[in-house]
Amino acid sequence: MFEETIAPSGSFERNLVRVPAAELQETEDAIHLKLELPGMSAKDLDIQVTEDAVHISSERKSETKTQQKGAVKSEFYYGQFQRIIPLSSRVENTKVTAEYKDDILNLTLPKTNKEKNKVVKVNL
């Protein structure tokens, strides 16, 4: 009974909203955030940066059409996602730079001067 479905095979998995994979790297001067956003257009991304977090949201809209033996098959995929990534250091959110290429979003988040001087060597 469970093997029979009304939906085409695999369509359930494609309609699930997936949270984009993220990678954070921290240097002395900045935090570098890399997100994988396949099928997204740069104009559809909403990116907001506070001093201690990055908020990213978007909505995926895609359509696939195939034609075989005179029959047209059309599938639509929609889904929204929102991801909030807390940052380990405070950043200067007015100086963030972004690049979106080949479905990869790269953000460079410069640390505040307070964070750069967070560790101070004490001489005795």
N, C-alpha and C. Protein backbone atom coordinates (compact mmCIF):
# COMPACT_ATOMS: atom_id res chain seq x y z
N MET A 1 0.81 -1.19 0.00
CA MET A 1 0.00 0.00 0.00
C MET A 1 0.87 1.27 0.00
N PHE A 2 1.96 1.29 0.82
CA PHE A 2 2.80 2.47 0.91
C PHE A 2 3.67 2.68 -0.32
N GLU A 3 3.84 1.64 -1.14
CA GLU A 3 4.67 1.77 -2.33
C GLU A 3 3.97 2.57 -3.41
N GLU A 4 2.64 2.63 -3.37
CA GLU A 4 1.90 3.38 -4.37
C GLU A 4 1.73 4.82 -3.91
N THR A 5 2.05 5.72 -4.80
CA THR A 5 1.88 7.14 -4.48
C THR A 5 1.12 7.83 -5.59
N ILE A 6 0.48 8.90 -5.25
CA ILE A 6 -0.23 9.70 -6.25
C ILE A 6 0.77 10.62 -6.95
N ALA A 7 1.74 11.11 -6.19
CA ALA A 7 2.74 12.04 -6.74
C ALA A 7 3.77 11.27 -7.55
N PRO A 8 4.33 11.91 -8.58
CA PRO A 8 5.39 11.26 -9.35
C PRO A 8 6.57 10.89 -8.46
N SER A 9 7.25 9.85 -8.83
CA SER A 9 8.40 9.38 -8.06
C SER A 9 9.42 10.48 -7.86
N GLY A 10 9.84 10.67 -6.63
CA GLY A 10 10.88 11.65 -6.32
C GLY A 10 10.38 13.07 -6.13
N SER A 11 9.12 13.35 -6.43
CA SER A 11 8.66 14.74 -6.33
C SER A 11 8.59 15.22 -4.88
N PHE A 12 8.33 14.31 -3.95
CA PHE A 12 8.25 14.70 -2.55
C PHE A 12 9.60 15.24 -2.08
N GLU A 13 10.67 14.54 -2.43
CA GLU A 13 12.00 14.98 -2.01
C GLU A 13 12.36 16.32 -2.64
N ARG A 14 11.98 16.55 -3.89
CA ARG A 14 12.33 17.80 -4.55
C ARG A 14 11.58 18.98 -3.96
N ASN A 15 10.39 18.73 -3.39
CA ASN A 15 9.60 19.82 -2.85
C ASN A 15 9.98 20.19 -1.41
N LEU A 16 10.81 19.37 -0.78
CA LEU A 16 11.25 19.72 0.56
C LEU A 16 12.14 20.95 0.50
N VAL A 17 11.97 21.84 1.45
CA VAL A 17 12.81 23.04 1.49
C VAL A 17 14.11 22.66 2.19
N ARG A 18 15.20 22.87 1.52
CA ARG A 18 16.50 22.54 2.10
C ARG A 18 17.18 23.81 2.58
N VAL A 19 17.78 23.70 3.74
CA VAL A 19 18.54 24.82 4.27
C VAL A 19 19.89 24.80 3.57
N PRO A 20 20.33 25.94 3.06
CA PRO A 20 21.59 25.95 2.32
C PRO A 20 22.79 25.59 3.20
N ALA A 21 23.71 24.85 2.60
CA ALA A 21 24.94 24.49 3.31
C ALA A 21 25.79 25.75 3.49
N ALA A 22 26.44 25.84 4.65
CA ALA A 22 27.24 27.03 4.96
C ALA A 22 28.62 26.62 5.45
N GLU A 23 29.57 27.51 5.21
CA GLU A 23 30.94 27.31 5.67
C GLU A 23 31.44 28.64 6.21
N LEU A 24 31.96 28.63 7.43
CA LEU A 24 32.50 29.84 8.06
C LEU A 24 33.99 29.68 8.25
N GLN A 25 34.73 30.71 7.89
CA GLN A 25 36.16 30.76 8.18
C GLN A 25 36.44 32.09 8.84
N GLU A 26 37.22 32.05 9.90
CA GLU A 26 37.53 33.28 10.62
C GLU A 26 39.02 33.55 10.54
N THR A 27 39.33 34.79 10.19
CA THR A 27 40.72 35.24 10.20
C THR A 27 40.85 36.33 11.26
N GLU A 28 42.01 36.89 11.38
CA GLU A 28 42.23 37.94 12.37
C GLU A 28 41.38 39.18 12.07
N ASP A 29 41.15 39.46 10.78
CA ASP A 29 40.46 40.69 10.39
C ASP A 29 39.00 40.52 9.97
N ALA A 30 38.60 39.30 9.62
CA ALA A 30 37.25 39.14 9.06
C ALA A 30 36.71 37.72 9.27
N ILE A 31 35.41 37.61 9.05
CA ILE A 31 34.75 36.31 8.99
C ILE A 31 34.31 36.14 7.54
N HIS A 32 34.60 34.97 6.97
CA HIS A 32 34.23 34.68 5.59
C HIS A 32 33.13 33.61 5.62
N LEU A 33 31.99 33.95 5.06
CA LEU A 33 30.84 33.06 5.03
C LEU A 33 30.58 32.65 3.59
N LYS A 34 30.45 31.34 3.38
CA LYS A 34 30.20 30.80 2.05
C LYS A 34 28.92 29.97 2.13
N LEU A 35 27.95 30.26 1.24
CA LEU A 35 26.68 29.53 1.23
C LEU A 35 26.41 28.98 -0.16
N GLU A 36 25.92 27.76 -0.20
CA GLU A 36 25.54 27.12 -1.45
C GLU A 36 24.05 27.35 -1.67
N LEU A 37 23.70 28.05 -2.76
CA LEU A 37 22.31 28.41 -3.04
C LEU A 37 21.94 28.02 -4.47
N PRO A 38 21.86 26.72 -4.77
CA PRO A 38 21.59 26.30 -6.15
C PRO A 38 20.19 26.71 -6.61
N GLY A 39 20.12 27.17 -7.85
CA GLY A 39 18.85 27.53 -8.44
C GLY A 39 18.30 28.88 -8.01
N MET A 40 19.05 29.63 -7.23
CA MET A 40 18.59 30.93 -6.75
C MET A 40 19.16 32.03 -7.64
N SER A 41 18.40 33.08 -7.78
CA SER A 41 18.85 34.26 -8.51
C SER A 41 19.30 35.29 -7.48
N ALA A 42 20.33 36.03 -7.79
CA ALA A 42 20.85 37.04 -6.85
C ALA A 42 19.77 38.05 -6.47
N LYS A 43 18.90 38.40 -7.40
CA LYS A 43 17.86 39.39 -7.11
C LYS A 43 16.78 38.84 -6.15
N ASP A 44 16.71 37.52 -6.00
CA ASP A 44 15.72 36.92 -5.10
C ASP A 44 16.25 36.72 -3.68
N LEU A 45 17.52 36.99 -3.46
CA LEU A 45 18.11 36.78 -2.13
C LEU A 45 17.92 38.02 -1.27
N ASP A 46 17.52 37.80 -0.03
CA ASP A 46 17.41 38.88 0.95
C ASP A 46 18.47 38.61 2.01
N ILE A 47 19.49 39.44 2.05
CA ILE A 47 20.62 39.26 2.97
C ILE A 47 20.67 40.45 3.90
N GLN A 48 20.61 40.19 5.20
CA GLN A 48 20.70 41.25 6.20
C GLN A 48 21.76 40.85 7.21
N VAL A 49 22.62 41.81 7.54
CA VAL A 49 23.73 41.54 8.46
C VAL A 49 23.62 42.49 9.65
N THR A 50 23.61 41.90 10.85
CA THR A 50 23.69 42.69 12.07
C THR A 50 25.12 42.57 12.58
N GLU A 51 25.40 43.13 13.73
CA GLU A 51 26.76 43.05 14.27
C GLU A 51 27.14 41.63 14.69
N ASP A 52 26.13 40.79 14.94
CA ASP A 52 26.44 39.46 15.45
C ASP A 52 25.76 38.30 14.73
N ALA A 53 25.11 38.55 13.58
CA ALA A 53 24.46 37.47 12.84
C ALA A 53 24.21 37.87 11.39
N VAL A 54 24.04 36.84 10.55
CA VAL A 54 23.68 37.03 9.15
C VAL A 54 22.33 36.35 8.95
N HIS A 55 21.38 37.08 8.37
CA HIS A 55 20.03 36.58 8.09
C HIS A 55 19.89 36.47 6.57
N ILE A 56 19.60 35.28 6.08
CA ILE A 56 19.44 35.07 4.65
C ILE A 56 18.12 34.38 4.40
N SER A 57 17.35 34.91 3.44
CA SER A 57 16.09 34.28 3.07
C SER A 57 15.87 34.43 1.58
N SER A 58 15.05 33.52 1.03
CA SER A 58 14.73 33.57 -0.38
C SER A 58 13.58 32.62 -0.65
N GLU A 59 13.09 32.68 -1.86
CA GLU A 59 12.04 31.77 -2.29
C GLU A 59 12.47 31.18 -3.62
N ARG A 60 12.41 29.87 -3.70
CA ARG A 60 12.78 29.19 -4.94
C ARG A 60 11.54 28.98 -5.79
N LYS A 61 11.64 29.36 -7.04
CA LYS A 61 10.57 29.15 -8.00
C LYS A 61 11.23 28.56 -9.24
N SER A 62 10.87 27.35 -9.58
CA SER A 62 11.46 26.78 -10.78
C SER A 62 10.42 25.96 -11.52
N GLU A 63 10.62 25.84 -12.81
CA GLU A 63 9.69 25.11 -13.66
C GLU A 63 10.51 24.26 -14.61
N THR A 64 10.10 23.02 -14.79
CA THR A 64 10.77 22.11 -15.70
C THR A 64 9.74 21.60 -16.70
N LYS A 65 10.05 21.71 -17.97
CA LYS A 65 9.16 21.19 -19.01
C LYS A 65 9.94 20.22 -19.88
N THR A 66 9.33 19.06 -20.12
CA THR A 66 9.91 18.08 -21.04
C THR A 66 8.82 17.64 -22.00
N GLN A 67 9.23 17.28 -23.20
CA GLN A 67 8.27 16.84 -24.20
C GLN A 67 8.76 15.52 -24.78
N GLN A 68 7.88 14.49 -24.69
CA GLN A 68 8.21 13.19 -25.22
C GLN A 68 6.99 12.64 -25.95
N LYS A 69 7.17 12.21 -27.13
CA LYS A 69 6.12 11.58 -27.93
C LYS A 69 4.84 12.40 -27.95
N GLY A 70 4.99 13.71 -28.10
CA GLY A 70 3.83 14.58 -28.19
C GLY A 70 3.20 14.97 -26.86
N ALA A 71 3.68 14.42 -25.78
CA ALA A 71 3.15 14.76 -24.46
C ALA A 71 4.10 15.73 -23.76
N VAL A 72 3.54 16.73 -23.09
CA VAL A 72 4.34 17.71 -22.37
C VAL A 72 4.20 17.44 -20.88
N LYS A 73 5.32 17.33 -20.21
CA LYS A 73 5.32 17.15 -18.76
C LYS A 73 5.90 18.43 -18.16
N SER A 74 5.18 19.01 -17.23
CA SER A 74 5.61 20.26 -16.60
C SER A 74 5.56 20.09 -15.08
N GLU A 75 6.63 20.46 -14.42
CA GLU A 75 6.67 20.39 -12.96
C GLU A 75 7.14 21.73 -12.41
N PHE A 76 6.51 22.15 -11.32
CA PHE A 76 6.85 23.40 -10.66
C PHE A 76 7.37 23.08 -9.27
N TYR A 77 8.40 23.80 -8.84
CA TYR A 77 8.96 23.62 -7.50
C TYR A 77 9.02 24.97 -6.83
N TYR A 78 8.43 25.06 -5.68
CA TYR A 78 8.42 26.30 -4.92
C TYR A 78 8.86 25.98 -3.50
N GLY A 79 9.50 26.92 -2.88
CA GLY A 79 9.87 26.74 -1.49
C GLY A 79 10.58 27.96 -0.95
N GLN A 80 10.34 28.24 0.30
CA GLN A 80 11.01 29.36 0.97
C GLN A 80 11.98 28.81 1.98
N PHE A 81 13.02 29.57 2.23
CA PHE A 81 13.91 29.21 3.32
C PHE A 81 14.37 30.47 4.00
N GLN A 82 14.75 30.30 5.23
CA GLN A 82 15.34 31.38 6.01
C GLN A 82 16.41 30.75 6.88
N ARG A 83 17.56 31.38 6.93
CA ARG A 83 18.63 30.87 7.78
C ARG A 83 19.28 32.03 8.50
N ILE A 84 19.46 31.87 9.80
CA ILE A 84 20.14 32.87 10.61
C ILE A 84 21.43 32.21 11.10
N ILE A 85 22.54 32.84 10.78
CA ILE A 85 23.84 32.30 11.16
C ILE A 85 24.47 33.23 12.19
N PRO A 86 24.57 32.77 13.43
CA PRO A 86 25.22 33.60 14.45
C PRO A 86 26.73 33.68 14.20
N LEU A 87 27.29 34.82 14.49
CA LEU A 87 28.72 35.04 14.27
C LEU A 87 29.47 34.98 15.59
N SER A 88 30.68 34.47 15.54
CA SER A 88 31.48 34.30 16.76
C SER A 88 32.13 35.60 17.21
N SER A 89 32.20 36.58 16.32
CA SER A 89 32.78 37.89 16.64
C SER A 89 31.87 38.97 16.08
N ARG A 90 31.94 40.14 16.67
CA ARG A 90 31.15 41.26 16.16
C ARG A 90 31.79 41.79 14.88
N VAL A 91 30.94 42.18 13.93
CA VAL A 91 31.43 42.65 12.64
C VAL A 91 30.92 44.06 12.36
N GLU A 92 31.62 44.72 11.45
CA GLU A 92 31.17 46.04 10.99
C GLU A 92 30.19 45.79 9.84
N ASN A 93 28.92 45.74 10.17
CA ASN A 93 27.92 45.35 9.18
C ASN A 93 27.74 46.35 8.05
N THR A 94 28.28 47.55 8.18
CA THR A 94 28.18 48.53 7.10
C THR A 94 29.29 48.35 6.06
N LYS A 95 30.24 47.45 6.32
CA LYS A 95 31.37 47.26 5.41
C LYS A 95 31.44 45.84 4.83
N VAL A 96 30.32 45.15 4.82
CA VAL A 96 30.26 43.79 4.30
C VAL A 96 30.35 43.82 2.78
N THR A 97 31.11 42.88 2.21
CA THR A 97 31.16 42.74 0.76
C THR A 97 30.59 41.37 0.39
N ALA A 98 29.96 41.30 -0.79
CA ALA A 98 29.31 40.06 -1.22
C ALA A 98 29.61 39.78 -2.68
N GLU A 99 29.70 38.50 -2.99
CA GLU A 99 29.85 38.05 -4.37
C GLU A 99 28.98 36.81 -4.54
N TYR A 100 28.22 36.78 -5.62
CA TYR A 100 27.37 35.62 -5.91
C TYR A 100 27.70 35.12 -7.32
N LYS A 101 28.29 33.93 -7.38
CA LYS A 101 28.73 33.38 -8.65
C LYS A 101 28.59 31.86 -8.61
N ASP A 102 28.06 31.28 -9.68
CA ASP A 102 27.91 29.83 -9.80
C ASP A 102 27.17 29.23 -8.61
N ASP A 103 26.10 29.88 -8.19
CA ASP A 103 25.24 29.42 -7.09
C ASP A 103 25.93 29.42 -5.72
N ILE A 104 27.05 30.12 -5.61
CA ILE A 104 27.77 30.22 -4.33
C ILE A 104 27.80 31.69 -3.91
N LEU A 105 27.32 31.95 -2.69
CA LEU A 105 27.35 33.29 -2.11
C LEU A 105 28.55 33.37 -1.18
N ASN A 106 29.41 34.36 -1.39
CA ASN A 106 30.56 34.60 -0.53
C ASN A 106 30.39 35.97 0.13
N LEU A 107 30.39 35.98 1.44
CA LEU A 107 30.32 37.23 2.20
C LEU A 107 31.61 37.41 2.97
N THR A 108 32.15 38.62 2.92
CA THR A 108 33.30 38.97 3.75
C THR A 108 32.80 39.97 4.78
N LEU A 109 32.90 39.59 6.04
CA LEU A 109 32.37 40.38 7.15
C LEU A 109 33.54 40.88 8.00
N PRO A 110 33.97 42.13 7.79
CA PRO A 110 35.11 42.64 8.55
C PRO A 110 34.79 42.78 10.03
N LYS A 111 35.72 42.37 10.86
CA LYS A 111 35.53 42.49 12.30
C LYS A 111 35.65 43.95 12.74
N THR A 112 34.99 44.28 13.83
CA THR A 112 35.13 45.62 14.37
C THR A 112 36.51 45.76 14.98
N ASN A 113 36.96 46.99 15.15
CA ASN A 113 38.27 47.22 15.77
C ASN A 113 38.32 46.64 17.17
N LYS A 114 37.20 46.66 17.88
CA LYS A 114 37.15 46.09 19.22
C LYS A 114 37.47 44.61 19.18
N GLU A 115 36.95 43.91 18.16
CA GLU A 115 37.19 42.47 18.04
C GLU A 115 38.63 42.18 17.61
N LYS A 116 39.19 43.02 16.77
CA LYS A 116 40.58 42.81 16.34
C LYS A 116 41.52 42.91 17.52
N ASN A 117 41.20 43.77 18.47
CA ASN A 117 42.05 43.97 19.64
C ASN A 117 41.55 43.19 20.85
N LYS A 118 40.79 42.15 20.63
CA LYS A 118 40.17 41.40 21.72
C LYS A 118 41.22 40.72 22.60
N VAL A 119 42.27 40.19 21.99
CA VAL A 119 43.32 39.53 22.75
C VAL A 119 44.49 40.49 22.87
N VAL A 120 44.86 40.74 24.10
CA VAL A 120 45.96 41.67 24.37
C VAL A 120 47.00 40.93 25.21
N LYS A 121 48.23 41.00 24.78
CA LYS A 121 49.32 40.37 25.53
C LYS A 121 49.68 41.28 26.70
N VAL A 122 49.79 40.69 27.85
CA VAL A 122 50.13 41.43 29.07
C VAL A 122 51.57 41.07 29.43
N ASN A 123 52.40 42.08 29.53
CA ASN A 123 53.79 41.86 29.91
C ASN A 123 53.95 42.03 31.41
N LEU A 124 54.73 41.16 32.00
CA LEU A 124 54.98 41.24 33.45
C LEU A 124 56.32 41.88 33.72
